[in-house]
Amino acid sequence: MSSSTKPADSSPQSALSRTAARAQKQAQKKASRPARAQLTPQDWIDAAMELLVQKSIDAVNVDALAKRLGITRGSFYWHFTDREDLLARLLESWRDASTHQVIVRFERQGATPKELIAELLSLPQRGQSAKRAASIELAIRAWARRDELAYQAVAAVDAHRLSYIAQCFVALQFSLHEAQARAFMLYSYILAESNVGANLPESVRAERRSAVERILLAPPVA
C-alpha cells in the first residue's frame, strides 16, 4: 500500500509566520534572562582602580575595562569624554574617599585632639580596609612618579592631610612650627606602617604605635 507525504507549505504567508514565531521565541528567551544592572560612572572608576592596583596605570584603558565589566566599549562614552576624563575622576574619587570622607568621619565623632591623634595612628592597623587603602595608595604614588596629573593629585592630598594633622597639634597648644613638624612625623609613620609593618605581629605594631604616640604628645624640648 502506498502512502503520500503532504508537501511543506512554502507560501510567502507561511514563511512570514515562521519568521514571526522565531522572533517571538527569541524575544521571550531574552526577556527571561536576568537584566544587567545599568553601569554607573563609579562602576567604571572602581574597575579602573582594580586594574591600577593589580597591574599598573598602563593597563587602564577603555577596551580592558569594557572586557572586565562585560559590556561594549561604546557605553564608556555615556559617562566619560575620554580616558583622561576617567583618570581625572578616578583621582578625585580616591581623594574624596581617602581624605575628605575620613576627616568628615573624625569630625562627626566629636573627639578631642588627643583622641584624634590616637585615631590617626591606628589607621594602618584596621584590618582588610587598611590593607586595601595601602595597596591603592601605593599604586597611585607609583603612578604619580611619572604622570603630572597624578603627581598634582597626590601633592594636594598630602598637603590636605598634613594641614589637618597639624591643626590637631595646634589645638594641643603646640606652636605652628612644632605642630607642622609633628604632623609630618605622624604622617610619615602612617605611610610607613601601612606598607613596611603590615606583616608584623599585632603586638609589635601596637607597641610601636604607643611609643610613637608618647613621642608625639611629649612636650617640646626647650
Protein backbone atom coordinates (compact mmCIF):
# COMPACT_ATOMS: atom_id res chain seq x y z
CA MET A 1 0.00 0.00 0.00
CA SER A 2 1.46 3.36 -0.98
CA SER A 3 1.42 6.49 1.17
CA SER A 4 1.75 10.10 0.16
CA THR A 5 3.56 12.93 2.03
CA LYS A 6 1.94 16.33 2.19
CA PRO A 7 4.32 18.89 0.71
CA ALA A 8 5.55 21.63 3.06
CA ASP A 9 3.76 24.90 2.76
CA SER A 10 6.16 27.24 1.01
CA SER A 11 3.81 30.14 0.56
CA PRO A 12 5.01 33.66 1.49
CA GLN A 13 2.42 33.82 4.26
CA SER A 14 3.79 30.61 5.83
CA ALA A 15 7.38 31.90 5.69
CA LEU A 16 6.34 35.12 7.39
CA SER A 17 4.55 33.15 10.10
CA ARG A 18 7.64 31.03 10.80
CA THR A 19 9.85 34.14 10.94
CA ALA A 20 7.46 35.83 13.34
CA ALA A 21 7.36 32.73 15.54
CA ARG A 22 11.16 32.58 15.73
CA ALA A 23 11.36 36.28 16.56
CA GLN A 24 8.80 35.87 19.32
CA LYS A 25 10.67 32.90 20.76
CA GLN A 26 13.97 34.81 20.78
CA ALA A 27 12.30 37.80 22.43
CA GLN A 28 10.83 35.56 25.14
CA LYS A 29 14.21 33.93 25.72
CA LYS A 30 15.91 37.31 26.01
CA ALA A 31 13.23 38.58 28.38
CA SER A 32 13.73 35.55 30.64
CA ARG A 33 17.40 36.40 31.20
CA PRO A 34 18.24 38.48 34.28
CA ALA A 35 18.72 42.08 33.20
CA ARG A 36 22.21 43.50 33.58
CA ALA A 37 22.18 46.39 36.01
CA GLN A 38 22.94 49.66 34.31
CA LEU A 39 26.53 50.64 34.94
CA THR A 40 27.29 53.93 36.66
CA PRO A 41 30.40 56.12 36.34
CA GLN A 42 31.52 54.74 39.72
CA ASP A 43 31.44 51.19 38.33
CA TRP A 44 33.93 52.22 35.66
CA ILE A 45 36.05 54.07 38.22
CA ASP A 46 36.09 51.04 40.55
CA ALA A 47 37.10 48.76 37.68
CA ALA A 48 39.86 51.19 36.71
CA MET A 49 41.11 51.24 40.30
CA GLU A 50 41.25 47.44 40.36
CA LEU A 51 43.34 47.37 37.19
CA LEU A 52 45.61 50.09 38.55
CA VAL A 53 46.23 48.15 41.76
CA GLN A 54 46.59 44.72 40.14
CA LYS A 55 48.72 45.83 37.20
CA SER A 56 49.60 49.48 36.54
CA ILE A 57 48.22 52.65 35.05
CA ASP A 58 49.29 51.40 31.61
CA ALA A 59 46.71 48.61 31.89
CA VAL A 60 43.85 51.04 32.43
CA ASN A 61 42.22 51.55 29.04
CA VAL A 62 38.70 51.50 27.64
CA ASP A 63 38.97 48.09 25.97
CA ALA A 64 40.33 46.38 29.09
CA LEU A 65 37.66 47.95 31.28
CA ALA A 66 34.84 47.04 28.92
CA LYS A 67 36.04 43.44 28.85
CA ARG A 68 36.32 43.36 32.63
CA LEU A 69 32.79 44.71 33.02
CA GLY A 70 31.36 42.50 30.27
CA ILE A 71 29.98 45.38 28.25
CA THR A 72 30.68 47.15 24.96
CA ARG A 73 33.21 49.97 24.94
CA GLY A 74 30.60 52.32 23.49
CA SER A 75 28.83 52.58 26.86
CA PHE A 76 32.00 54.10 28.33
CA TYR A 77 31.37 57.29 26.39
CA TRP A 78 27.98 57.78 28.01
CA HIS A 79 29.87 58.65 31.20
CA PHE A 80 33.32 59.90 30.19
CA THR A 81 34.72 62.11 27.45
CA ASP A 82 37.85 60.01 27.08
CA ARG A 83 40.46 58.07 29.08
CA GLU A 84 41.92 61.27 30.56
CA ASP A 85 38.49 62.20 31.90
CA LEU A 86 38.23 58.79 33.56
CA LEU A 87 41.68 59.10 35.14
CA ALA A 88 40.94 62.58 36.48
CA ARG A 89 37.72 61.34 38.07
CA LEU A 90 39.47 58.26 39.44
CA LEU A 91 41.94 60.52 41.25
CA GLU A 92 39.12 62.70 42.55
CA SER A 93 37.29 59.61 43.82
CA TRP A 94 40.43 58.45 45.64
CA ARG A 95 41.00 61.88 47.12
CA ASP A 96 37.43 62.05 48.41
CA ALA A 97 37.38 58.52 49.88
CA SER A 98 40.87 58.52 51.40
CA THR A 99 40.96 62.05 52.79
CA HIS A 100 37.77 64.11 52.76
CA GLN A 101 35.46 61.34 53.98
CA VAL A 102 37.95 60.24 56.64
CA ILE A 103 38.21 63.78 58.02
CA VAL A 104 34.42 64.22 57.96
CA ARG A 105 34.03 60.96 59.90
CA PHE A 106 36.55 62.10 62.51
CA GLU A 107 34.85 65.48 62.89
CA ARG A 108 31.46 63.85 63.45
CA GLN A 109 32.88 61.82 66.33
CA GLY A 110 33.43 64.97 68.36
CA ALA A 111 36.74 63.57 69.64
CA THR A 112 39.36 65.60 71.47
CA PRO A 113 42.64 66.44 69.67
CA LYS A 114 44.44 63.68 71.60
CA GLU A 115 41.77 61.17 70.65
CA LEU A 116 42.02 62.25 67.01
CA ILE A 117 45.77 61.69 67.03
CA ALA A 118 45.25 58.23 68.51
CA GLU A 119 42.64 57.52 65.80
CA LEU A 120 45.04 58.62 63.07
CA LEU A 121 47.82 56.44 64.45
CA SER A 122 45.51 53.43 64.42
CA LEU A 123 44.56 53.75 60.73
CA PRO A 124 47.25 51.33 59.44
CA GLN A 125 46.00 48.59 61.78
CA ARG A 126 42.39 48.41 60.67
CA GLY A 127 42.43 45.01 59.03
CA GLN A 128 41.44 44.47 55.42
CA SER A 129 40.26 48.04 54.91
CA ALA A 130 43.73 49.30 55.86
CA LYS A 131 45.42 46.82 53.52
CA ARG A 132 43.10 47.83 50.70
CA ALA A 133 43.75 51.53 51.28
CA ALA A 134 47.50 50.91 51.39
CA SER A 135 47.50 49.00 48.10
CA ILE A 136 45.58 51.80 46.39
CA GLU A 137 47.87 54.45 47.87
CA LEU A 138 50.97 52.59 46.73
CA ALA A 139 49.64 52.19 43.18
CA ILE A 140 48.67 55.85 42.89
CA ARG A 141 52.01 57.06 44.25
CA ALA A 142 53.83 54.85 41.74
CA TRP A 143 51.69 56.39 39.00
CA ALA A 144 52.44 59.90 40.33
CA ARG A 145 56.16 59.37 39.85
CA ARG A 146 55.73 59.58 36.07
CA ASP A 147 52.50 61.49 35.48
CA GLU A 148 51.81 65.15 36.21
CA LEU A 149 48.07 64.74 36.78
CA ALA A 150 48.60 62.03 39.40
CA TYR A 151 51.53 63.95 40.92
CA GLN A 152 49.37 67.04 41.46
CA ALA A 153 46.59 64.95 43.00
CA VAL A 154 48.98 63.26 45.44
CA ALA A 155 50.57 66.59 46.35
CA ALA A 156 47.13 68.06 47.11
CA VAL A 157 46.18 65.05 49.24
CA ASP A 158 49.45 65.20 51.20
CA ALA A 159 49.02 68.93 51.84
CA HIS A 160 45.41 68.47 52.99
CA ARG A 161 46.25 65.63 55.34
CA LEU A 162 49.29 67.36 56.82
CA SER A 163 47.30 70.55 57.39
CA TYR A 164 44.57 68.65 59.21
CA ILE A 165 47.02 66.76 61.42
CA ALA A 166 48.90 69.98 62.23
CA GLN A 167 45.62 71.55 63.40
CA CYS A 168 45.28 68.74 65.94
CA PHE A 169 48.66 69.61 67.43
CA VAL A 170 47.93 73.35 67.38
CA ALA A 171 44.78 72.57 69.39
CA LEU A 172 47.08 70.94 71.96
CA GLN A 173 48.94 74.25 72.35
CA PHE A 174 51.98 73.40 70.24
CA SER A 175 53.40 76.25 68.17
CA LEU A 176 52.61 76.20 64.46
CA HIS A 177 56.19 75.27 63.63
CA GLU A 178 56.20 72.44 66.18
CA ALA A 179 52.73 71.29 65.09
CA GLN A 180 53.81 71.06 61.45
CA ALA A 181 56.92 69.08 62.37
CA ARG A 182 54.94 66.62 64.48
CA ALA A 183 52.28 66.34 61.80
CA PHE A 184 54.97 65.33 59.33
CA MET A 185 56.30 62.69 61.75
CA LEU A 186 52.82 61.27 62.35
CA TYR A 187 52.05 61.20 58.64
CA SER A 188 55.36 59.51 57.86
CA TYR A 189 54.57 56.88 60.48
CA ILE A 190 51.15 56.18 58.90
CA LEU A 191 52.64 55.74 55.42
CA ALA A 192 55.50 53.55 56.64
CA GLU A 193 53.38 51.42 58.96
CA SER A 194 50.83 50.84 56.19
CA ASN A 195 53.45 49.29 53.93
CA VAL A 196 56.54 48.25 55.89
CA GLY A 197 54.91 46.95 59.06
CA ALA A 198 51.78 45.36 57.64
CA ASN A 199 53.01 41.77 58.08
CA LEU A 200 54.36 42.11 61.62
CA PRO A 201 52.54 40.68 64.67
CA GLU A 202 49.81 42.93 66.03
CA SER A 203 51.50 43.08 69.42
CA VAL A 204 54.65 44.53 67.84
CA ARG A 205 52.67 47.06 65.85
CA ALA A 206 50.60 48.10 68.87
CA GLU A 207 53.72 48.59 70.99
CA ARG A 208 55.34 50.71 68.29
CA ARG A 209 52.19 52.79 67.86
CA SER A 210 52.10 53.51 71.61
CA ALA A 211 55.75 54.57 71.54
CA VAL A 212 55.16 56.92 68.61
CA GLU A 213 52.12 58.40 70.36
CA ARG A 214 54.14 59.11 73.52
CA ILE A 215 56.86 60.83 71.49
CA LEU A 216 54.41 62.94 69.50
CA LEU A 217 52.48 64.12 72.55
CA ALA A 218 55.53 64.83 74.73
CA PRO A 219 56.27 68.50 75.46
CA PRO A 220 58.83 70.05 73.09
CA VAL A 221 62.42 70.10 74.26
CA ALA A 222 63.41 73.58 75.40
